[in-house]
Amino acid sequence: MVARPTTKQKKNKGTVYTAVIKSWQKTLPPLLKAAALIDGIDKDLPVLIKPNLVEPMNPPITTHVGLIEALVDYLQRHLPGH
């Protein structure tokens, strides 16, 4: 799986990466690597993950638990001791 930026980019609006989701564990790491997530995290500060879980509704209204699990796994592998 290769994460690729979309072709529609506006100046100073950031980049949107897209991928076909096979599983969160397989899809999320390449996207986070392409977006250089780890480079943007201050290693001296704690990391806060704020999923949208305020309504008892199914995704995409709320954040899928598998996405949070894959994100936590990725952060633990790339930010040991954090």
C-alpha atoms as a PDB file:
ATOM      1  CA  MET A   1       0.000   0.000   0.000  1.00  0.00           C
ATOM      2  CA  VAL A   2       1.390   3.369  -1.008  1.00  0.00           C
ATOM      3  CA  ALA A   3      -0.014   6.590   0.410  1.00  0.00           C
ATOM      4  CA  ARG A   4      -0.206   9.257  -2.244  1.00  0.00           C
ATOM      5  CA  PRO A   5      -1.165  12.913  -1.937  1.00  0.00           C
ATOM      6  CA  THR A   6      -4.196  13.933  -3.930  1.00  0.00           C
ATOM      7  CA  THR A   7      -3.624  16.143  -6.930  1.00  0.00           C
ATOM      8  CA  LYS A   8      -5.898  18.919  -5.650  1.00  0.00           C
ATOM      9  CA  GLN A   9      -3.670  20.919  -3.335  1.00  0.00           C
ATOM     10  CA  LYS A  10      -4.107  24.576  -2.478  1.00  0.00           C
ATOM     11  CA  LYS A  11      -1.338  26.799  -1.240  1.00  0.00           C
ATOM     12  CA  ASN A  12      -0.958  26.637   2.564  1.00  0.00           C
ATOM     13  CA  LYS A  13      -3.930  24.304   2.904  1.00  0.00           C
ATOM     14  CA  GLY A  14      -1.924  21.152   3.616  1.00  0.00           C
ATOM     15  CA  THR A  15      -1.903  17.844   1.825  1.00  0.00           C
ATOM     16  CA  VAL A  16      -4.603  15.207   1.858  1.00  0.00           C
ATOM     17  CA  TYR A  17      -3.414  11.597   1.603  1.00  0.00           C
ATOM     18  CA  THR A  18      -5.709   8.856   0.396  1.00  0.00           C
ATOM     19  CA  ALA A  19      -5.583   5.072   0.535  1.00  0.00           C
ATOM     20  CA  VAL A  20      -7.835   2.088   0.091  1.00  0.00           C
ATOM     21  CA  ILE A  21      -8.562   0.765   3.571  1.00  0.00           C
ATOM     22  CA  LYS A  22      -7.895  -2.939   3.900  1.00  0.00           C
ATOM     23  CA  SER A  23      -7.541  -2.799   7.667  1.00  0.00           C
ATOM     24  CA  TRP A  24      -6.608   0.045  10.004  1.00  0.00           C
ATOM     25  CA  GLN A  25      -3.447  -1.800  11.086  1.00  0.00           C
ATOM     26  CA  LYS A  26      -2.229  -2.095   7.466  1.00  0.00           C
ATOM     27  CA  THR A  27      -3.484   1.204   6.068  1.00  0.00           C
ATOM     28  CA  LEU A  28      -2.800   3.766   8.796  1.00  0.00           C
ATOM     29  CA  PRO A  29       1.013   3.370   9.226  1.00  0.00           C
ATOM     30  CA  PRO A  30       1.883   4.205   5.571  1.00  0.00           C
ATOM     31  CA  LEU A  31      -0.421   7.232   5.692  1.00  0.00           C
ATOM     32  CA  LEU A  32       1.132   8.510   8.922  1.00  0.00           C
ATOM     33  CA  LYS A  33       4.623   7.928   7.540  1.00  0.00           C
ATOM     34  CA  ALA A  34       3.805   9.800   4.317  1.00  0.00           C
ATOM     35  CA  ALA A  35       2.390  12.672   6.362  1.00  0.00           C
ATOM     36  CA  ALA A  36       5.509  12.684   8.608  1.00  0.00           C
ATOM     37  CA  LEU A  37       3.359  12.575  11.739  1.00  0.00           C
ATOM     38  CA  ILE A  38       6.229  11.598  14.048  1.00  0.00           C
ATOM     39  CA  ASP A  39       8.344  14.536  12.836  1.00  0.00           C
ATOM     40  CA  GLY A  40       5.621  16.931  13.956  1.00  0.00           C
ATOM     41  CA  ILE A  41       5.360  15.610  17.520  1.00  0.00           C
ATOM     42  CA  ASP A  42       7.306  17.356  20.255  1.00  0.00           C
ATOM     43  CA  LYS A  43       9.067  14.475  22.009  1.00  0.00           C
ATOM     44  CA  ASP A  44       9.050  16.403  25.321  1.00  0.00           C
ATOM     45  CA  LEU A  45       5.262  16.728  25.490  1.00  0.00           C
ATOM     46  CA  PRO A  46       2.575  14.114  26.112  1.00  0.00           C
ATOM     47  CA  VAL A  47       0.405  12.969  23.215  1.00  0.00           C
ATOM     48  CA  LEU A  48      -3.357  13.403  23.485  1.00  0.00           C
ATOM     49  CA  ILE A  49      -5.648  11.421  21.204  1.00  0.00           C
ATOM     50  CA  LYS A  50      -9.158  12.836  21.070  1.00  0.00           C
ATOM     51  CA  PRO A  51     -11.500  10.480  19.205  1.00  0.00           C
ATOM     52  CA  ASN A  52     -15.067  11.483  18.486  1.00  0.00           C
ATOM     53  CA  LEU A  53     -17.002   9.154  20.789  1.00  0.00           C
ATOM     54  CA  VAL A  54     -19.616  11.547  22.163  1.00  0.00           C
ATOM     55  CA  GLU A  55     -22.635  10.013  20.426  1.00  0.00           C
ATOM     56  CA  PRO A  56     -23.740   6.378  20.556  1.00  0.00           C
ATOM     57  CA  MET A  57     -23.594   6.179  16.739  1.00  0.00           C
ATOM     58  CA  ASN A  58     -21.667   4.033  14.276  1.00  0.00           C
ATOM     59  CA  PRO A  59     -18.733   5.348  12.215  1.00  0.00           C
ATOM     60  CA  PRO A  60     -18.315   7.573  10.270  1.00  0.00           C
ATOM     61  CA  ILE A  61     -20.194   9.741  12.799  1.00  0.00           C
ATOM     62  CA  THR A  62     -17.826   8.533  15.531  1.00  0.00           C
ATOM     63  CA  THR A  63     -14.185   7.441  15.344  1.00  0.00           C
ATOM     64  CA  HIS A  64     -13.780   3.733  14.656  1.00  0.00           C
ATOM     65  CA  VAL A  65     -12.134   1.939  17.590  1.00  0.00           C
ATOM     66  CA  GLY A  66      -9.843   0.076  15.165  1.00  0.00           C
ATOM     67  CA  LEU A  67      -8.440   3.393  13.942  1.00  0.00           C
ATOM     68  CA  ILE A  68      -7.579   4.451  17.502  1.00  0.00           C
ATOM     69  CA  GLU A  69      -6.007   1.062  18.194  1.00  0.00           C
ATOM     70  CA  ALA A  70      -3.844   1.329  15.039  1.00  0.00           C
ATOM     71  CA  LEU A  71      -2.856   4.901  15.925  1.00  0.00           C
ATOM     72  CA  VAL A  72      -1.844   3.966  19.484  1.00  0.00           C
ATOM     73  CA  ASP A  73       0.165   0.986  18.183  1.00  0.00           C
ATOM     74  CA  TYR A  74       1.942   3.239  15.662  1.00  0.00           C
ATOM     75  CA  LEU A  75       2.762   5.882  18.259  1.00  0.00           C
ATOM     76  CA  GLN A  76       4.032   3.287  20.745  1.00  0.00           C
ATOM     77  CA  ARG A  77       6.354   1.821  18.102  1.00  0.00           C
ATOM     78  CA  HIS A  78       7.679   5.211  16.952  1.00  0.00           C
ATOM     79  CA  LEU A  79       7.702   7.079  20.278  1.00  0.00           C
ATOM     80  CA  PRO A  80       8.930   4.536  22.820  1.00  0.00           C
ATOM     81  CA  GLY A  81       8.454   5.610  26.409  1.00  0.00           C
ATOM     82  CA  HIS A  82       5.904   8.219  25.469  1.00  0.00           C
END
